[in-house]
Structures are given as C-alpha cells and as structure tokens.
C-alpha cells in the first residue's frame, strides 16, 4: 500500500462500499420517513427523492454505476499517466461528501440517513489513504485546498446532473415495466 498505483484504486472501492449502503437503504428510508423527509428537505431532497418519477432502487443503481465508471476512469488515467491531481480532486470530493453530506445531514436529520454508517466507518481508512498518498505525492497546502475545492465543485455539478438523469431513467424503467396492455 505504499505506491500510488495501488492507492488510486481505493477511490472506486471506497465509493462502492459507501454507495452499496445508499442503494440498499434509500428507498426503504424514504418509505419509513417520507413525511419527515418532506419537512426537513422541503426544496431539495437527498438522493434524487422527489426528482424522479416513481423513484425506484434501479434508478439509483444506474446513477451509482455512472459514478463508479467515472471514478474508475479517473483511477485508470491517473495510473496510466502517472498524474494524480484529478484523482486527488475526486478522492477529496468523496471524503468531504461523506462528512458534509452524510454525517452532518444525519446530525441535522436527527437520525439515520443512508450512507452515514459507511461514511463513519470508511472515513478513518479514507484519511489514512489520503495521508499515504500525500506522503508519496508531496502536494503543497495550496494544491490540496485547490483539489478539495475542485472536488466539491465537481460533486456540486455532477450530483444534480445525475438526479436529473435519474428522473429520465426512472420514467423509462417505469414505462418498460408495464405490459403492452398497461400502456394503452
């Protein structure tokens, strides 16, 4: 675990371990706490809830698979070109997302929010990986701040785009699930 060629692959691994919890829990969490979610998040609900048509777990799975492919591509290109700034942006974005989205949202919600358990569990190993990467890369403080800012900005752009895409895929999945006679 002392080379960047290994460490970069922790990005898609940590992402998927974290997102498995979201995939499994979001739909049932919404069913259990729907009214409370509507009150706590009146304008912009988490996980695309309220954006999608009927909101189905496969819809979230499609969005997660797109993110997984993106993180895997970033990891691959980082190793192939031995250039790690974009990886650092994505990795810091993921870690900051775990803290500011899941952990703080759980505190604000005053209860369980999907993703908080894996965020809490993966945060320490995630920081250890970040420290090992920093020991190898030796980025200065400004580069780290810039990478964290870019990582947050990328998530701020990508997540709303994925939520909008979820609305499209949700309608398509719902339509596909209907028999021919149901559509008439």
N, C-alpha and C. Protein backbone atom coordinates (compact mmCIF):
# COMPACT_ATOMS: atom_id res chain seq x y z
N UNK A 1 0.83 -1.19 0.00
CA UNK A 1 0.00 0.00 0.00
C UNK A 1 0.87 1.25 0.00
N UNK A 2 2.05 1.13 -0.47
CA UNK A 2 2.99 2.25 -0.45
C UNK A 2 3.16 2.89 -1.83
N UNK A 3 2.37 2.48 -2.82
CA UNK A 3 2.51 3.08 -4.15
C UNK A 3 1.19 3.69 -4.60
N UNK A 4 1.29 4.73 -5.38
CA UNK A 4 0.08 5.38 -5.90
C UNK A 4 -0.68 4.44 -6.84
N UNK A 5 0.04 3.55 -7.51
CA UNK A 5 -0.64 2.61 -8.41
C UNK A 5 -1.64 1.74 -7.66
N UNK A 6 -1.40 1.51 -6.39
CA UNK A 6 -2.37 0.79 -5.55
C UNK A 6 -3.40 1.75 -4.95
N UNK A 7 -2.93 2.84 -4.40
CA UNK A 7 -3.81 3.75 -3.66
C UNK A 7 -4.93 4.34 -4.52
N UNK A 8 -4.65 4.62 -5.79
CA UNK A 8 -5.69 5.23 -6.63
C UNK A 8 -6.92 4.34 -6.77
N UNK A 9 -6.74 3.04 -6.68
CA UNK A 9 -7.88 2.12 -6.83
C UNK A 9 -8.76 2.09 -5.59
N UNK A 10 -8.31 2.72 -4.53
CA UNK A 10 -9.16 2.81 -3.33
C UNK A 10 -10.32 3.79 -3.56
N UNK A 11 -10.19 4.70 -4.53
CA UNK A 11 -11.28 5.63 -4.85
C UNK A 11 -12.54 4.88 -5.26
N UNK A 12 -12.51 4.05 -6.31
CA UNK A 12 -13.74 3.33 -6.67
C UNK A 12 -14.16 2.30 -5.62
N UNK A 13 -13.19 1.72 -4.91
CA UNK A 13 -13.54 0.72 -3.88
C UNK A 13 -14.29 1.39 -2.73
N UNK A 14 -13.75 2.47 -2.19
CA UNK A 14 -14.42 3.17 -1.08
C UNK A 14 -15.76 3.71 -1.55
N UNK A 15 -15.79 4.26 -2.76
CA UNK A 15 -17.05 4.77 -3.30
C UNK A 15 -18.12 3.69 -3.33
N UNK A 16 -17.77 2.51 -3.85
CA UNK A 16 -18.79 1.45 -3.97
C UNK A 16 -19.20 0.91 -2.61
N UNK A 17 -18.26 0.71 -1.71
CA UNK A 17 -18.63 0.25 -0.37
C UNK A 17 -19.62 1.22 0.26
N UNK A 18 -19.37 2.50 0.09
CA UNK A 18 -20.26 3.54 0.62
C UNK A 18 -21.62 3.51 -0.11
N UNK A 19 -21.58 3.44 -1.41
CA UNK A 19 -22.84 3.53 -2.16
C UNK A 19 -23.70 2.27 -2.10
N UNK A 20 -23.12 1.14 -1.75
CA UNK A 20 -23.96 -0.04 -1.52
C UNK A 20 -24.98 0.26 -0.43
N UNK A 21 -24.55 0.94 0.62
CA UNK A 21 -25.50 1.30 1.69
C UNK A 21 -26.61 2.18 1.14
N UNK A 22 -26.27 3.14 0.31
CA UNK A 22 -27.28 4.02 -0.27
C UNK A 22 -28.25 3.23 -1.16
N UNK A 23 -27.70 2.39 -2.03
CA UNK A 23 -28.54 1.61 -2.93
C UNK A 23 -29.54 0.76 -2.14
N UNK A 24 -29.06 0.14 -1.09
CA UNK A 24 -29.91 -0.75 -0.30
C UNK A 24 -30.94 0.02 0.52
N UNK A 25 -30.56 1.17 1.06
CA UNK A 25 -31.39 1.81 2.09
C UNK A 25 -32.25 2.99 1.65
N UNK A 26 -31.94 3.67 0.56
CA UNK A 26 -32.65 4.92 0.25
C UNK A 26 -34.15 4.71 0.07
N UNK A 27 -34.55 3.74 -0.71
CA UNK A 27 -35.98 3.56 -0.97
C UNK A 27 -36.74 3.22 0.30
N UNK A 28 -36.20 2.32 1.13
CA UNK A 28 -36.90 1.96 2.37
C UNK A 28 -36.85 3.09 3.39
N UNK A 29 -35.76 3.85 3.39
CA UNK A 29 -35.66 5.02 4.26
C UNK A 29 -36.73 6.04 3.90
N UNK A 30 -36.91 6.26 2.61
CA UNK A 30 -37.95 7.19 2.16
C UNK A 30 -39.34 6.69 2.57
N UNK A 31 -39.59 5.41 2.42
CA UNK A 31 -40.90 4.87 2.81
C UNK A 31 -41.14 5.05 4.31
N UNK A 32 -40.10 4.82 5.10
CA UNK A 32 -40.26 4.90 6.55
C UNK A 32 -40.39 6.35 7.05
N UNK A 33 -39.64 7.26 6.45
CA UNK A 33 -39.59 8.63 6.96
C UNK A 33 -40.07 9.67 5.94
N UNK A 34 -40.94 9.28 5.03
CA UNK A 34 -41.32 10.16 3.92
C UNK A 34 -41.80 11.54 4.40
N UNK A 35 -42.72 11.57 5.34
CA UNK A 35 -43.25 12.86 5.81
C UNK A 35 -42.16 13.70 6.46
N UNK A 36 -41.33 13.07 7.26
CA UNK A 36 -40.25 13.79 7.92
C UNK A 36 -39.23 14.31 6.91
N UNK A 37 -38.93 13.51 5.88
CA UNK A 37 -38.00 13.93 4.82
C UNK A 37 -38.58 15.13 4.09
N UNK A 38 -39.87 15.10 3.81
CA UNK A 38 -40.52 16.21 3.10
C UNK A 38 -40.43 17.50 3.93
N UNK A 39 -40.54 17.39 5.24
CA UNK A 39 -40.46 18.57 6.10
C UNK A 39 -39.03 19.06 6.25
N UNK A 40 -38.10 18.15 6.45
CA UNK A 40 -36.69 18.53 6.66
C UNK A 40 -36.01 19.01 5.38
N UNK A 41 -36.43 18.46 4.24
CA UNK A 41 -35.84 18.83 2.95
C UNK A 41 -36.95 19.31 2.01
N UNK A 42 -37.56 20.47 2.29
CA UNK A 42 -38.73 20.90 1.50
C UNK A 42 -38.42 21.22 0.04
N UNK A 43 -37.22 21.71 -0.25
CA UNK A 43 -36.92 22.12 -1.62
C UNK A 43 -36.09 21.11 -2.39
N UNK A 44 -35.09 20.55 -1.72
CA UNK A 44 -34.15 19.68 -2.42
C UNK A 44 -33.90 18.45 -1.56
N UNK A 45 -34.60 17.38 -1.90
CA UNK A 45 -34.49 16.16 -1.12
C UNK A 45 -33.24 15.37 -1.53
N UNK A 46 -32.66 14.65 -0.59
CA UNK A 46 -31.45 13.88 -0.90
C UNK A 46 -31.74 12.69 -1.81
N UNK A 47 -30.69 12.22 -2.47
CA UNK A 47 -30.71 11.00 -3.28
C UNK A 47 -31.67 11.09 -4.47
N UNK A 48 -32.04 12.28 -4.89
CA UNK A 48 -32.96 12.42 -6.01
C UNK A 48 -34.40 12.13 -5.65
N UNK A 49 -34.69 11.96 -4.37
CA UNK A 49 -36.08 11.73 -3.95
C UNK A 49 -36.89 12.97 -4.31
N UNK A 50 -38.03 12.77 -4.92
CA UNK A 50 -38.85 13.90 -5.33
C UNK A 50 -38.49 14.44 -6.70
N UNK A 51 -37.32 14.06 -7.23
CA UNK A 51 -36.93 14.47 -8.57
C UNK A 51 -37.38 13.42 -9.57
N UNK A 52 -37.18 12.18 -9.19
CA UNK A 52 -37.52 11.08 -10.08
C UNK A 52 -39.03 10.88 -10.13
N UNK A 53 -39.47 10.12 -11.08
CA UNK A 53 -40.89 9.91 -11.35
C UNK A 53 -41.55 9.09 -10.24
N UNK A 54 -41.25 7.82 -10.16
CA UNK A 54 -41.80 6.99 -9.08
C UNK A 54 -40.71 6.57 -8.11
N UNK A 55 -39.51 6.88 -8.39
CA UNK A 55 -38.31 6.59 -7.59
C UNK A 55 -38.18 5.12 -7.24
N UNK A 56 -37.36 4.46 -8.01
CA UNK A 56 -37.10 3.04 -7.84
C UNK A 56 -35.62 2.83 -7.56
N UNK A 57 -35.31 1.81 -6.80
CA UNK A 57 -33.91 1.48 -6.49
C UNK A 57 -33.07 1.29 -7.75
N UNK A 58 -33.58 0.64 -8.81
CA UNK A 58 -32.75 0.52 -10.02
C UNK A 58 -32.33 1.87 -10.59
N UNK A 59 -33.14 2.90 -10.39
CA UNK A 59 -32.79 4.24 -10.87
C UNK A 59 -31.52 4.73 -10.18
N UNK A 60 -31.46 4.59 -8.85
CA UNK A 60 -30.26 4.98 -8.12
C UNK A 60 -29.08 4.12 -8.54
N UNK A 61 -29.32 2.85 -8.79
CA UNK A 61 -28.25 1.94 -9.20
C UNK A 61 -27.61 2.38 -10.51
N UNK A 62 -28.42 2.88 -11.43
CA UNK A 62 -27.89 3.37 -12.71
C UNK A 62 -27.00 4.59 -12.47
N UNK A 63 -27.46 5.52 -11.64
CA UNK A 63 -26.67 6.72 -11.33
C UNK A 63 -25.36 6.33 -10.65
N UNK A 64 -25.43 5.40 -9.71
CA UNK A 64 -24.23 4.94 -8.99
C UNK A 64 -23.26 4.27 -9.97
N UNK A 65 -23.78 3.49 -10.91
CA UNK A 65 -22.89 2.82 -11.87
C UNK A 65 -22.17 3.85 -12.75
N UNK A 66 -22.84 4.94 -13.07
CA UNK A 66 -22.19 6.01 -13.85
C UNK A 66 -21.07 6.64 -13.03
N UNK A 67 -21.34 6.92 -11.77
CA UNK A 67 -20.30 7.48 -10.90
C UNK A 67 -19.14 6.50 -10.74
N UNK A 68 -19.46 5.22 -10.57
CA UNK A 68 -18.42 4.20 -10.42
C UNK A 68 -17.53 4.16 -11.67
N UNK A 69 -18.14 4.22 -12.85
CA UNK A 69 -17.36 4.22 -14.09
C UNK A 69 -16.47 5.46 -14.16
N UNK A 70 -17.00 6.60 -13.74
CA UNK A 70 -16.23 7.84 -13.75
C UNK A 70 -15.03 7.75 -12.79
N UNK A 71 -15.27 7.28 -11.56
CA UNK A 71 -14.18 7.14 -10.59
C UNK A 71 -13.16 6.09 -11.05
N UNK A 72 -13.63 5.03 -11.67
CA UNK A 72 -12.71 4.01 -12.20
C UNK A 72 -11.87 4.58 -13.34
N UNK A 73 -12.49 5.37 -14.20
CA UNK A 73 -11.76 6.00 -15.31
C UNK A 73 -10.71 6.97 -14.77
N UNK A 74 -11.08 7.76 -13.77
CA UNK A 74 -10.12 8.68 -13.15
C UNK A 74 -8.94 7.90 -12.57
N UNK A 75 -9.23 6.80 -11.89
CA UNK A 75 -8.16 5.98 -11.31
C UNK A 75 -7.27 5.40 -12.41
N UNK A 76 -7.89 4.87 -13.46
CA UNK A 76 -7.14 4.29 -14.56
C UNK A 76 -6.23 5.33 -15.22
N UNK A 77 -6.79 6.49 -15.53
CA UNK A 77 -6.00 7.54 -16.20
C UNK A 77 -4.88 8.05 -15.29
N UNK A 78 -5.14 8.11 -14.00
CA UNK A 78 -4.11 8.55 -13.06
C UNK A 78 -2.91 7.61 -13.08
N UNK A 79 -3.19 6.31 -13.07
CA UNK A 79 -2.11 5.32 -13.11
C UNK A 79 -1.44 5.34 -14.49
N UNK A 80 -2.24 5.37 -15.54
CA UNK A 80 -1.69 5.31 -16.90
C UNK A 80 -0.77 6.49 -17.19
N UNK A 81 -1.14 7.68 -16.71
CA UNK A 81 -0.36 8.88 -17.00
C UNK A 81 0.50 9.34 -15.82
N UNK A 82 0.46 8.57 -14.72
CA UNK A 82 1.23 8.92 -13.52
C UNK A 82 1.01 10.38 -13.11
N UNK A 83 -0.25 10.80 -13.21
CA UNK A 83 -0.66 12.16 -12.86
C UNK A 83 -1.85 12.03 -11.92
N UNK A 84 -1.73 12.60 -10.74
CA UNK A 84 -2.68 12.28 -9.67
C UNK A 84 -3.52 13.46 -9.18
N UNK A 85 -3.44 14.60 -9.81
CA UNK A 85 -4.21 15.75 -9.33
C UNK A 85 -5.72 15.52 -9.48
N UNK A 86 -6.16 15.03 -10.63
CA UNK A 86 -7.58 14.77 -10.82
C UNK A 86 -8.07 13.70 -9.84
N UNK A 87 -7.25 12.68 -9.61
CA UNK A 87 -7.60 11.66 -8.61
C UNK A 87 -7.76 12.31 -7.24
N UNK A 88 -6.82 13.18 -6.88
CA UNK A 88 -6.89 13.87 -5.59
C UNK A 88 -8.17 14.69 -5.48
N UNK A 89 -8.55 15.37 -6.55
CA UNK A 89 -9.81 16.14 -6.55
C UNK A 89 -11.00 15.22 -6.28
N UNK A 90 -11.08 14.12 -7.00
CA UNK A 90 -12.20 13.19 -6.84
C UNK A 90 -12.19 12.55 -5.46
N UNK A 91 -11.01 12.17 -4.98
CA UNK A 91 -10.89 11.50 -3.69
C UNK A 91 -11.27 12.45 -2.55
N UNK A 92 -10.75 13.66 -2.59
CA UNK A 92 -11.12 14.65 -1.56
C UNK A 92 -12.61 14.97 -1.65
N UNK A 93 -13.13 15.07 -2.86
CA UNK A 93 -14.57 15.31 -3.02
C UNK A 93 -15.39 14.21 -2.37
N UNK A 94 -14.96 12.96 -2.56
CA UNK A 94 -15.67 11.83 -1.96
C UNK A 94 -15.61 11.88 -0.43
N UNK A 95 -14.42 12.11 0.13
CA UNK A 95 -14.29 12.18 1.59
C UNK A 95 -15.07 13.35 2.18
N UNK A 96 -14.98 14.50 1.53
CA UNK A 96 -15.72 15.67 2.02
C UNK A 96 -17.23 15.46 1.90
N UNK A 97 -17.64 14.78 0.85
CA UNK A 97 -19.05 14.43 0.66
C UNK A 97 -19.53 13.55 1.82
N UNK A 98 -18.71 12.59 2.22
CA UNK A 98 -19.10 11.72 3.33
C UNK A 98 -19.32 12.53 4.61
N UNK A 99 -18.43 13.48 4.86
CA UNK A 99 -18.54 14.28 6.08
C UNK A 99 -19.69 15.27 5.98
N UNK A 100 -19.70 16.10 4.94
CA UNK A 100 -20.64 17.21 4.87
C UNK A 100 -22.03 16.83 4.39
N UNK A 101 -22.14 15.77 3.64
CA UNK A 101 -23.46 15.35 3.19
C UNK A 101 -24.04 14.32 4.15
N UNK A 102 -23.35 13.25 4.38
CA UNK A 102 -23.95 12.16 5.15
C UNK A 102 -23.87 12.36 6.66
N UNK A 103 -22.71 12.62 7.17
CA UNK A 103 -22.57 12.73 8.63
C UNK A 103 -23.31 13.96 9.15
N UNK A 104 -23.09 15.12 8.54
CA UNK A 104 -23.79 16.32 9.01
C UNK A 104 -25.29 16.26 8.73
N UNK A 105 -25.68 15.65 7.61
CA UNK A 105 -27.12 15.50 7.33
C UNK A 105 -27.78 14.61 8.36
N UNK A 106 -27.08 13.60 8.80
CA UNK A 106 -27.62 12.71 9.82
C UNK A 106 -27.81 13.44 11.15
N UNK A 107 -26.86 14.29 11.48
CA UNK A 107 -26.98 15.10 12.69
C UNK A 107 -28.17 16.05 12.55
N UNK A 108 -28.27 16.72 11.41
CA UNK A 108 -29.35 17.66 11.17
C UNK A 108 -30.72 16.96 11.13
N UNK A 109 -30.76 15.78 10.52
CA UNK A 109 -31.99 14.99 10.43
C UNK A 109 -32.36 14.38 11.78
N UNK A 110 -31.38 14.33 12.67
CA UNK A 110 -31.53 13.72 14.00
C UNK A 110 -31.92 12.25 13.89
N UNK A 111 -31.22 11.58 13.00
CA UNK A 111 -31.47 10.16 12.81
C UNK A 111 -30.66 9.64 11.64
N UNK A 112 -30.94 8.41 11.32
CA UNK A 112 -30.23 7.73 10.23
C UNK A 112 -30.51 8.38 8.89
N UNK A 113 -29.45 8.57 8.12
CA UNK A 113 -29.52 8.99 6.73
C UNK A 113 -28.69 7.98 5.95
N UNK A 114 -29.21 7.40 4.87
CA UNK A 114 -28.45 6.40 4.13
C UNK A 114 -27.05 6.91 3.75
N UNK A 115 -26.07 6.10 4.04
CA UNK A 115 -24.69 6.45 3.75
C UNK A 115 -23.91 6.88 4.97
N UNK A 116 -24.60 7.16 6.07
CA UNK A 116 -23.90 7.65 7.26
C UNK A 116 -23.06 6.55 7.93
N UNK A 117 -23.54 5.33 7.92
CA UNK A 117 -22.80 4.25 8.57
C UNK A 117 -21.48 4.00 7.84
N UNK A 118 -21.54 3.85 6.53
CA UNK A 118 -20.30 3.60 5.79
C UNK A 118 -19.41 4.84 5.77
N UNK A 119 -20.01 6.04 5.82
CA UNK A 119 -19.20 7.26 5.92
C UNK A 119 -18.39 7.24 7.20
N UNK A 120 -19.05 6.91 8.31
CA UNK A 120 -18.36 6.89 9.60
C UNK A 120 -17.29 5.80 9.63
N UNK A 121 -17.60 4.64 9.07
CA UNK A 121 -16.65 3.53 9.08
C UNK A 121 -15.47 3.78 8.14
N UNK A 122 -15.75 4.32 6.96
CA UNK A 122 -14.71 4.48 5.93
C UNK A 122 -13.92 5.77 6.05
N UNK A 123 -14.34 6.68 6.89
CA UNK A 123 -13.65 7.96 6.99
C UNK A 123 -12.22 7.81 7.50
N UNK A 124 -12.02 7.03 8.53
CA UNK A 124 -10.66 6.86 9.08
C UNK A 124 -9.74 6.18 8.06
N UNK A 125 -10.13 5.01 7.49
CA UNK A 125 -9.23 4.43 6.47
C UNK A 125 -9.07 5.37 5.26
N UNK A 126 -10.12 6.11 4.94
CA UNK A 126 -10.03 7.06 3.83
C UNK A 126 -9.00 8.14 4.09
N UNK A 127 -8.96 8.65 5.31
CA UNK A 127 -7.96 9.66 5.67
C UNK A 127 -6.56 9.05 5.69
N UNK A 128 -6.44 7.83 6.17
CA UNK A 128 -5.14 7.15 6.16
C UNK A 128 -4.63 7.02 4.73
N UNK A 129 -5.49 6.63 3.82
CA UNK A 129 -5.10 6.52 2.40
C UNK A 129 -4.69 7.88 1.87
N UNK A 130 -5.44 8.92 2.22
CA UNK A 130 -5.10 10.28 1.80
C UNK A 130 -3.73 10.69 2.33
N UNK A 131 -3.44 10.39 3.59
CA UNK A 131 -2.14 10.72 4.18
C UNK A 131 -1.00 9.95 3.50
N UNK A 132 -1.25 8.67 3.18
CA UNK A 132 -0.23 7.89 2.47
C UNK A 132 0.01 8.48 1.08
N UNK A 133 -1.09 8.86 0.40
CA UNK A 133 -0.94 9.47 -0.93
C UNK A 133 -0.18 10.79 -0.83
N UNK A 134 -0.48 11.57 0.18
CA UNK A 134 0.21 12.85 0.35
C UNK A 134 1.70 12.63 0.64
N UNK A 135 2.04 11.59 1.39
CA UNK A 135 3.44 11.28 1.67
C UNK A 135 4.19 10.93 0.38
N UNK A 136 3.49 10.31 -0.55
CA UNK A 136 4.12 9.95 -1.83
C UNK A 136 4.16 11.16 -2.77
N UNK A 137 3.03 11.87 -2.89
CA UNK A 137 2.90 12.95 -3.87
C UNK A 137 3.53 14.26 -3.42
N UNK A 138 3.48 14.51 -2.11
CA UNK A 138 4.05 15.73 -1.53
C UNK A 138 3.46 17.01 -2.14
N UNK A 139 2.14 17.03 -2.31
CA UNK A 139 1.47 18.25 -2.78
C UNK A 139 1.54 19.31 -1.69
N UNK A 140 1.67 20.58 -2.10
CA UNK A 140 1.68 21.65 -1.10
C UNK A 140 0.25 21.96 -0.63
N UNK A 141 0.14 22.78 0.40
CA UNK A 141 -1.17 23.08 1.00
C UNK A 141 -2.12 23.74 0.01
N UNK A 142 -1.60 24.62 -0.84
CA UNK A 142 -2.45 25.29 -1.83
C UNK A 142 -3.03 24.28 -2.81
N UNK A 143 -2.22 23.32 -3.25
CA UNK A 143 -2.68 22.28 -4.17
C UNK A 143 -3.77 21.44 -3.52
N UNK A 144 -3.58 21.10 -2.24
CA UNK A 144 -4.59 20.32 -1.51
C UNK A 144 -5.90 21.11 -1.39
N UNK A 145 -5.80 22.39 -1.06
CA UNK A 145 -7.01 23.22 -0.96
C UNK A 145 -7.70 23.35 -2.31
N UNK A 146 -6.91 23.56 -3.35
CA UNK A 146 -7.46 23.67 -4.70
C UNK A 146 -8.14 22.36 -5.11
N UNK A 147 -7.51 21.23 -4.83
CA UNK A 147 -8.08 19.93 -5.17
C UNK A 147 -9.38 19.69 -4.41
N UNK A 148 -9.39 20.03 -3.13
CA UNK A 148 -10.62 19.89 -2.34
C UNK A 148 -11.73 20.77 -2.88
N UNK A 149 -11.40 22.00 -3.24
CA UNK A 149 -12.40 22.91 -3.82
C UNK A 149 -12.94 22.41 -5.15
N UNK A 150 -12.04 21.93 -6.00
CA UNK A 150 -12.47 21.38 -7.29
C UNK A 150 -13.31 20.13 -7.08
N UNK A 151 -12.91 19.29 -6.13
CA UNK A 151 -13.68 18.08 -5.83
C UNK A 151 -15.10 18.41 -5.40
N UNK A 152 -15.25 19.40 -4.53
CA UNK A 152 -16.59 19.83 -4.10
C UNK A 152 -17.36 20.41 -5.27
N UNK A 153 -16.70 21.24 -6.08
CA UNK A 153 -17.37 21.84 -7.23
C UNK A 153 -17.84 20.77 -8.22
N UNK A 154 -16.99 19.77 -8.46
CA UNK A 154 -17.39 18.69 -9.37
C UNK A 154 -18.61 17.95 -8.84
N UNK A 155 -18.62 17.66 -7.54
CA UNK A 155 -19.80 17.00 -6.96
C UNK A 155 -21.03 17.88 -7.04
N UNK A 156 -20.84 19.19 -6.85
CA UNK A 156 -21.96 20.13 -6.92
C UNK A 156 -22.56 20.18 -8.33
N UNK A 157 -21.76 19.87 -9.32
CA UNK A 157 -22.25 19.85 -10.71
C UNK A 157 -22.76 18.46 -11.08
N UNK A 158 -22.00 17.43 -10.74
CA UNK A 158 -22.33 16.07 -11.16
C UNK A 158 -23.59 15.53 -10.48
N UNK A 159 -23.72 15.74 -9.17
CA UNK A 159 -24.87 15.17 -8.46
C UNK A 159 -26.21 15.71 -8.97
N UNK A 160 -26.39 17.03 -9.16
CA UNK A 160 -27.66 17.49 -9.74
C UNK A 160 -27.91 16.96 -11.16
N UNK A 161 -26.82 16.83 -11.94
CA UNK A 161 -26.99 16.26 -13.28
C UNK A 161 -27.45 14.81 -13.19
N UNK A 162 -26.86 14.04 -12.27
CA UNK A 162 -27.28 12.65 -12.10
C UNK A 162 -28.72 12.57 -11.59
N UNK A 163 -29.11 13.47 -10.70
CA UNK A 163 -30.50 13.47 -10.23
C UNK A 163 -31.46 13.76 -11.37
N UNK A 164 -31.12 14.70 -12.24
CA UNK A 164 -31.96 14.97 -13.41
C UNK A 164 -32.01 13.75 -14.33
N UNK A 165 -30.88 13.11 -14.51
CA UNK A 165 -30.83 11.90 -15.34
C UNK A 165 -31.65 10.78 -14.71
N UNK A 166 -31.67 10.74 -13.37
CA UNK A 166 -32.46 9.73 -12.67
C UNK A 166 -33.94 9.88 -13.00
N UNK A 167 -34.41 11.11 -13.15
CA UNK A 167 -35.82 11.32 -13.50
C UNK A 167 -36.12 10.69 -14.85
N UNK A 168 -35.20 10.83 -15.80
CA UNK A 168 -35.38 10.25 -17.13
C UNK A 168 -35.35 8.73 -17.06
N UNK A 169 -34.33 8.18 -16.40
CA UNK A 169 -34.23 6.72 -16.34
C UNK A 169 -35.36 6.12 -15.52
N UNK A 170 -35.84 6.84 -14.52
CA UNK A 170 -36.95 6.33 -13.72
C UNK A 170 -38.22 6.21 -14.55
N UNK A 171 -38.49 7.21 -15.36
CA UNK A 171 -39.66 7.13 -16.27
C UNK A 171 -39.50 5.98 -17.25
N UNK A 172 -38.29 5.84 -17.80
CA UNK A 172 -38.04 4.77 -18.76
C UNK A 172 -38.24 3.41 -18.09
N UNK A 173 -37.69 3.21 -16.90
CA UNK A 173 -37.85 1.93 -16.19
C UNK A 173 -39.30 1.66 -15.84
N UNK A 174 -40.00 2.70 -15.41
CA UNK A 174 -41.42 2.52 -15.08
C UNK A 174 -42.21 2.16 -16.33
N UNK A 175 -41.93 2.84 -17.43
CA UNK A 175 -42.62 2.54 -18.68
C UNK A 175 -42.29 1.13 -19.16
N UNK A 176 -41.01 0.76 -19.07
CA UNK A 176 -40.59 -0.56 -19.50
C UNK A 176 -41.26 -1.66 -18.68
N UNK A 177 -41.51 -1.40 -17.41
CA UNK A 177 -42.08 -2.42 -16.52
C UNK A 177 -43.55 -2.71 -16.80
N UNK A 178 -44.19 -1.82 -17.51
CA UNK A 178 -45.61 -2.01 -17.82
C UNK A 178 -45.78 -2.96 -19.02
N UNK A 179 -46.79 -3.74 -18.97
CA UNK A 179 -47.08 -4.62 -20.11
C UNK A 179 -47.62 -3.76 -21.25
N UNK A 180 -47.69 -4.34 -22.42
CA UNK A 180 -48.20 -3.62 -23.60
C UNK A 180 -49.64 -3.15 -23.35
N UNK A 181 -50.46 -3.97 -22.73
CA UNK A 181 -51.85 -3.57 -22.49
C UNK A 181 -51.93 -2.46 -21.44
N UNK A 182 -51.01 -2.41 -20.50
CA UNK A 182 -50.99 -1.34 -19.50
C UNK A 182 -50.70 0.01 -20.14
N UNK A 183 -49.92 -0.01 -21.21
CA UNK A 183 -49.51 1.26 -21.86
C UNK A 183 -50.63 1.85 -22.72
N UNK A 184 -51.59 1.04 -23.09
CA UNK A 184 -52.65 1.53 -23.98
C UNK A 184 -53.71 2.27 -23.27
